[in-house]
Amino acid sequence: MNVVEKEPNRKWTIVLLRDRNSGGRQTPETLKASDTRREQFRRYLEKAGVVDSLTRVLVALYEQPERPNNALEFVKQHLDAAGLTLTDTEHLQQEVTDLRQRCARLTEENRDLKTRLQRYELESEGGATAE
């Protein structure tokens, strides 16, 4: 359980974290040791490329035009694809952009053709009744 104590005359905040070894309070020494372990772990993750991979996946999730229904599944799928090179990724992103543009053009063309077809059907019905 986290406890935050503030002293009104001081500008800093003391955060006390429950620790099994210190009976619920951490001393400055255990806080420093905890910070050291945390910093070592952070460096380990950075060196292994984990931080970069997670950052790329989270940025990709953020940049999605529509949020996926299952964010965890999105992260899993994109972490699996993390082995792709930057060139592969850029190529795939360009392909997605091109396909979206093509889809928009085809949708517009389809709408135009449907309108023309309805016009021709109406003209042929009008011509058939006039005879």
C-alpha atoms as a PDB file:
ATOM      1  CA  MET A   1       0.000   0.000   0.000  1.00  0.00           C
ATOM      2  CA  ASN A   2       1.350   3.419  -0.930  1.00  0.00           C
ATOM      3  CA  VAL A   3       1.242   6.194   1.647  1.00  0.00           C
ATOM      4  CA  VAL A   4       2.075   9.777   0.820  1.00  0.00           C
ATOM      5  CA  GLU A   5       2.893  12.166   3.646  1.00  0.00           C
ATOM      6  CA  LYS A   6       3.226  15.880   3.071  1.00  0.00           C
ATOM      7  CA  GLU A   7       4.594  18.332   5.535  1.00  0.00           C
ATOM      8  CA  PRO A   8       2.984  21.773   5.088  1.00  0.00           C
ATOM      9  CA  ASN A   9       6.267  23.692   5.646  1.00  0.00           C
ATOM     10  CA  ARG A  10       8.283  21.628   3.186  1.00  0.00           C
ATOM     11  CA  LYS A  11       8.200  21.605  -0.616  1.00  0.00           C
ATOM     12  CA  TRP A  12       8.919  17.892  -0.988  1.00  0.00           C
ATOM     13  CA  THR A  13       6.870  14.762  -0.594  1.00  0.00           C
ATOM     14  CA  ILE A  14       7.908  11.565   1.138  1.00  0.00           C
ATOM     15  CA  VAL A  15       6.565   8.387  -0.367  1.00  0.00           C
ATOM     16  CA  LEU A  16       6.555   5.399   1.956  1.00  0.00           C
ATOM     17  CA  LEU A  17       6.196   2.020   0.325  1.00  0.00           C
ATOM     18  CA  ARG A  18       5.334  -1.138   2.223  1.00  0.00           C
ATOM     19  CA  ASP A  19       8.299  -3.478   2.177  1.00  0.00           C
ATOM     20  CA  ARG A  20       8.344  -7.008   3.594  1.00  0.00           C
ATOM     21  CA  ASN A  21      11.816  -6.593   5.052  1.00  0.00           C
ATOM     22  CA  SER A  22      11.372  -3.240   6.763  1.00  0.00           C
ATOM     23  CA  GLY A  23       8.079  -3.760   8.583  1.00  0.00           C
ATOM     24  CA  GLY A  24       6.046  -1.528   6.292  1.00  0.00           C
ATOM     25  CA  ARG A  25       8.416   1.441   6.029  1.00  0.00           C
ATOM     26  CA  GLN A  26      11.424   1.886   3.834  1.00  0.00           C
ATOM     27  CA  THR A  27      14.465   3.621   5.130  1.00  0.00           C
ATOM     28  CA  PRO A  28      16.459   5.973   2.896  1.00  0.00           C
ATOM     29  CA  GLU A  29      18.980   3.148   2.436  1.00  0.00           C
ATOM     30  CA  THR A  30      16.354   0.672   1.189  1.00  0.00           C
ATOM     31  CA  LEU A  31      14.859   3.353  -1.049  1.00  0.00           C
ATOM     32  CA  LYS A  32      18.303   3.988  -2.556  1.00  0.00           C
ATOM     33  CA  ALA A  33      18.895   0.237  -3.036  1.00  0.00           C
ATOM     34  CA  SER A  34      15.465  -0.083  -4.613  1.00  0.00           C
ATOM     35  CA  ASP A  35      16.230   2.827  -6.953  1.00  0.00           C
ATOM     36  CA  THR A  36      19.562   1.226  -7.871  1.00  0.00           C
ATOM     37  CA  ARG A  37      17.897  -2.111  -8.688  1.00  0.00           C
ATOM     38  CA  ARG A  38      15.217  -0.300 -10.668  1.00  0.00           C
ATOM     39  CA  GLU A  39      17.852   1.654 -12.621  1.00  0.00           C
ATOM     40  CA  GLN A  40      19.841  -1.524 -13.362  1.00  0.00           C
ATOM     41  CA  PHE A  41      16.699  -3.251 -14.589  1.00  0.00           C
ATOM     42  CA  ARG A  42      15.827  -0.254 -16.773  1.00  0.00           C
ATOM     43  CA  ARG A  43      19.308  -0.306 -18.335  1.00  0.00           C
ATOM     44  CA  TYR A  44      18.976  -4.067 -18.900  1.00  0.00           C
ATOM     45  CA  LEU A  45      15.653  -3.562 -20.722  1.00  0.00           C
ATOM     46  CA  GLU A  46      17.106  -0.742 -22.827  1.00  0.00           C
ATOM     47  CA  LYS A  47      20.187  -2.784 -23.749  1.00  0.00           C
ATOM     48  CA  ALA A  48      18.037  -5.770 -24.741  1.00  0.00           C
ATOM     49  CA  GLY A  49      15.883  -3.566 -27.006  1.00  0.00           C
ATOM     50  CA  VAL A  50      12.723  -4.147 -24.996  1.00  0.00           C
ATOM     51  CA  VAL A  51      12.086  -0.454 -24.358  1.00  0.00           C
ATOM     52  CA  ASP A  52      12.432   0.391 -28.065  1.00  0.00           C
ATOM     53  CA  SER A  53      10.158  -2.476 -29.127  1.00  0.00           C
ATOM     54  CA  LEU A  54       7.473  -1.559 -26.617  1.00  0.00           C
ATOM     55  CA  THR A  55       7.722   2.104 -27.565  1.00  0.00           C
ATOM     56  CA  ARG A  56       7.300   1.289 -31.268  1.00  0.00           C
ATOM     57  CA  VAL A  57       4.270  -0.910 -30.580  1.00  0.00           C
ATOM     58  CA  LEU A  58       2.631   1.663 -28.316  1.00  0.00           C
ATOM     59  CA  VAL A  59       3.259   4.445 -30.846  1.00  0.00           C
ATOM     60  CA  ALA A  60       1.713   2.235 -33.550  1.00  0.00           C
ATOM     61  CA  LEU A  61      -1.317   1.667 -31.323  1.00  0.00           C
ATOM     62  CA  TYR A  62      -1.585   5.409 -30.635  1.00  0.00           C
ATOM     63  CA  GLU A  63      -1.376   6.242 -34.364  1.00  0.00           C
ATOM     64  CA  GLN A  64      -4.185   3.849 -35.330  1.00  0.00           C
ATOM     65  CA  PRO A  65      -7.056   5.847 -36.858  1.00  0.00           C
ATOM     66  CA  GLU A  66      -9.529   3.550 -35.126  1.00  0.00           C
ATOM     67  CA  ARG A  67      -8.747   1.979 -31.781  1.00  0.00           C
ATOM     68  CA  PRO A  68      -8.655  -1.827 -31.973  1.00  0.00           C
ATOM     69  CA  ASN A  69     -11.224  -3.663 -29.867  1.00  0.00           C
ATOM     70  CA  ASN A  70      -8.512  -5.705 -28.190  1.00  0.00           C
ATOM     71  CA  ALA A  71      -5.453  -3.579 -27.425  1.00  0.00           C
ATOM     72  CA  LEU A  72      -3.609  -6.490 -25.830  1.00  0.00           C
ATOM     73  CA  GLU A  73      -4.003  -8.598 -28.979  1.00  0.00           C
ATOM     74  CA  PHE A  74      -2.761  -5.645 -31.049  1.00  0.00           C
ATOM     75  CA  VAL A  75       0.343  -5.393 -28.861  1.00  0.00           C
ATOM     76  CA  LYS A  76       0.973  -9.151 -29.082  1.00  0.00           C
ATOM     77  CA  GLN A  77       0.669  -9.164 -32.863  1.00  0.00           C
ATOM     78  CA  HIS A  78       2.914  -6.150 -33.279  1.00  0.00           C
ATOM     79  CA  LEU A  79       5.523  -7.468 -30.862  1.00  0.00           C
ATOM     80  CA  ASP A  80       5.663 -10.633 -32.970  1.00  0.00           C
ATOM     81  CA  ALA A  81       6.349  -8.411 -35.967  1.00  0.00           C
ATOM     82  CA  ALA A  82       9.100  -6.557 -34.098  1.00  0.00           C
ATOM     83  CA  GLY A  83      11.692  -8.627 -35.966  1.00  0.00           C
ATOM     84  CA  LEU A  84      10.920  -6.693 -39.134  1.00  0.00           C
ATOM     85  CA  THR A  85      13.455  -4.149 -40.233  1.00  0.00           C
ATOM     86  CA  LEU A  86      12.659  -0.465 -40.391  1.00  0.00           C
ATOM     87  CA  THR A  87      12.652  -0.668 -44.206  1.00  0.00           C
ATOM     88  CA  ASP A  88      10.103  -3.516 -44.094  1.00  0.00           C
ATOM     89  CA  THR A  89       7.924  -1.556 -41.729  1.00  0.00           C
ATOM     90  CA  GLU A  90       8.089   1.621 -43.811  1.00  0.00           C
ATOM     91  CA  HIS A  91       7.283  -0.383 -46.948  1.00  0.00           C
ATOM     92  CA  LEU A  92       4.286  -1.993 -45.264  1.00  0.00           C
ATOM     93  CA  GLN A  93       3.067   1.360 -43.943  1.00  0.00           C
ATOM     94  CA  GLN A  94       3.322   2.841 -47.442  1.00  0.00           C
ATOM     95  CA  GLU A  95       1.448  -0.139 -48.851  1.00  0.00           C
ATOM     96  CA  VAL A  96      -1.328   0.344 -46.289  1.00  0.00           C
ATOM     97  CA  THR A  97      -1.571   4.034 -47.211  1.00  0.00           C
ATOM     98  CA  ASP A  98      -1.700   3.199 -50.940  1.00  0.00           C
ATOM     99  CA  LEU A  99      -4.364   0.544 -50.396  1.00  0.00           C
ATOM    100  CA  ARG A 100      -6.495   2.916 -48.315  1.00  0.00           C
ATOM    101  CA  GLN A 101      -6.298   5.519 -51.093  1.00  0.00           C
ATOM    102  CA  ARG A 102      -7.170   2.896 -53.703  1.00  0.00           C
ATOM    103  CA  CYS A 103     -10.105   1.721 -51.595  1.00  0.00           C
ATOM    104  CA  ALA A 104     -11.383   5.305 -51.329  1.00  0.00           C
ATOM    105  CA  ARG A 105     -11.081   5.779 -55.118  1.00  0.00           C
ATOM    106  CA  LEU A 106     -12.861   2.490 -55.823  1.00  0.00           C
ATOM    107  CA  THR A 107     -15.612   3.342 -53.347  1.00  0.00           C
ATOM    108  CA  GLU A 108     -16.160   6.675 -55.112  1.00  0.00           C
ATOM    109  CA  GLU A 109     -16.111   4.977 -58.529  1.00  0.00           C
ATOM    110  CA  ASN A 110     -18.598   2.383 -57.291  1.00  0.00           C
ATOM    111  CA  ARG A 111     -20.916   5.133 -56.026  1.00  0.00           C
ATOM    112  CA  ASP A 112     -20.712   6.934 -59.387  1.00  0.00           C
ATOM    113  CA  LEU A 113     -21.443   3.742 -61.332  1.00  0.00           C
ATOM    114  CA  LYS A 114     -24.444   2.952 -59.132  1.00  0.00           C
ATOM    115  CA  THR A 115     -25.792   6.464 -59.732  1.00  0.00           C
ATOM    116  CA  ARG A 116     -25.326   6.101 -63.507  1.00  0.00           C
ATOM    117  CA  LEU A 117     -26.980   2.663 -63.458  1.00  0.00           C
ATOM    118  CA  GLN A 118     -30.000   4.026 -61.600  1.00  0.00           C
ATOM    119  CA  ARG A 119     -30.250   6.873 -64.115  1.00  0.00           C
ATOM    120  CA  TYR A 120     -30.163   4.441 -67.069  1.00  0.00           C
ATOM    121  CA  GLU A 121     -32.734   2.191 -65.406  1.00  0.00           C
ATOM    122  CA  LEU A 122     -35.050   5.154 -64.839  1.00  0.00           C
ATOM    123  CA  GLU A 123     -34.575   6.298 -68.474  1.00  0.00           C
ATOM    124  CA  SER A 124     -35.286   2.812 -69.809  1.00  0.00           C
ATOM    125  CA  GLU A 125     -38.421   2.532 -67.652  1.00  0.00           C
ATOM    126  CA  GLY A 126     -39.566   5.956 -68.815  1.00  0.00           C
ATOM    127  CA  GLY A 127     -38.918   5.052 -72.476  1.00  0.00           C
ATOM    128  CA  ALA A 128     -40.715   1.705 -72.158  1.00  0.00           C
ATOM    129  CA  THR A 129     -43.878   3.283 -70.740  1.00  0.00           C
ATOM    130  CA  ALA A 130     -43.945   6.001 -73.436  1.00  0.00           C
ATOM    131  CA  GLU A 131     -44.196   3.406 -76.216  1.00  0.00           C
END
